[in-house]
Structure formats: C-alpha cells, structure tokens
Amino acid sequence: MDVLLRALDRVAEGDADMAGPVAAVRTRLFHTVPAVRGKALQVRLTAQREIAR
C-alpha cells in the first residue's frame, strides 16, 4: 500500500491534468482504495488550511 501511495504522490506532483487518463485512474483509486482516499483527504485538508491562512 505504501508503494501505491508514494506512486500517487509522484504522479500528482507532475500532473495537474484533471481530465486525462491518469486523472481517471487516480479518481478510480480514490473511490475504491481506502488508504488512497485517506491520503487524498489529508492532502485536501492541508491545502484548505493553507488557503485559509
């Protein structure tokens, strides 16, 4: 699972595409793998805190 989460982190760093094939895979993983969903929520919360600051 850690390998999958690290791979998603690396892909997310270099890929801002919200509609391409990689985004579709990311979205599918967010919806089907609880650890990926948790990581996504952590990233989202961190971003929201930075925006609020």
Protein backbone atom coordinates (compact mmCIF):
# COMPACT_ATOMS: atom_id res chain seq x y z
CA MET A 1 0.00 0.00 0.00
CA ASP A 2 2.84 2.40 0.79
CA VAL A 3 4.23 1.91 -2.70
CA LEU A 4 0.86 2.84 -4.22
CA LEU A 5 0.60 5.98 -2.09
CA ARG A 6 4.15 7.06 -2.96
CA ALA A 7 3.47 6.48 -6.66
CA LEU A 8 0.33 8.62 -6.47
CA ASP A 9 2.28 11.38 -4.73
CA ARG A 10 4.87 11.41 -7.51
CA VAL A 11 2.24 11.42 -10.25
CA ALA A 12 0.32 14.22 -8.52
CA GLU A 13 3.47 16.36 -8.28
CA GLY A 14 3.98 16.42 -12.03
CA ASP A 15 0.44 16.04 -13.35
CA ALA A 16 -2.14 18.77 -12.82
CA ASP A 17 -4.41 17.36 -15.52
CA MET A 18 -7.91 16.93 -14.11
CA ALA A 19 -9.44 15.14 -17.11
CA GLY A 20 -6.76 12.93 -18.68
CA PRO A 21 -6.23 9.19 -18.39
CA VAL A 22 -4.00 9.49 -15.31
CA ALA A 23 -6.66 11.60 -13.58
CA ALA A 24 -9.24 8.91 -14.35
CA VAL A 25 -7.05 6.26 -12.71
CA ARG A 26 -6.45 8.50 -9.68
CA THR A 27 -10.18 9.10 -9.33
CA ARG A 28 -10.95 5.39 -9.57
CA LEU A 29 -8.34 4.66 -6.89
CA PHE A 30 -9.75 7.39 -4.61
CA HIS A 31 -13.14 5.74 -4.81
CA THR A 32 -12.01 2.13 -4.36
CA VAL A 33 -8.92 2.07 -2.11
CA PRO A 34 -9.50 3.33 1.45
CA ALA A 35 -5.82 4.22 2.04
CA VAL A 36 -5.75 6.31 -1.14
CA ARG A 37 -8.98 8.03 -0.14
CA GLY A 38 -7.49 8.84 3.27
CA LYS A 39 -4.36 10.28 1.70
CA ALA A 40 -6.43 12.37 -0.69
CA LEU A 41 -8.46 13.76 2.18
CA GLN A 42 -5.28 14.63 4.10
CA VAL A 43 -3.87 16.45 1.08
CA ARG A 44 -7.16 18.30 0.61
CA LEU A 45 -7.30 19.36 4.26
CA THR A 46 -3.71 20.62 4.13
CA ALA A 47 -4.49 22.65 1.00
CA GLN A 48 -7.61 24.12 2.61
CA ARG A 49 -5.62 25.16 5.68
CA GLU A 50 -3.01 26.84 3.50
CA ILE A 51 -5.69 28.68 1.56
CA ALA A 52 -7.37 29.79 4.80
CA ARG A 53 -4.07 31.15 6.12
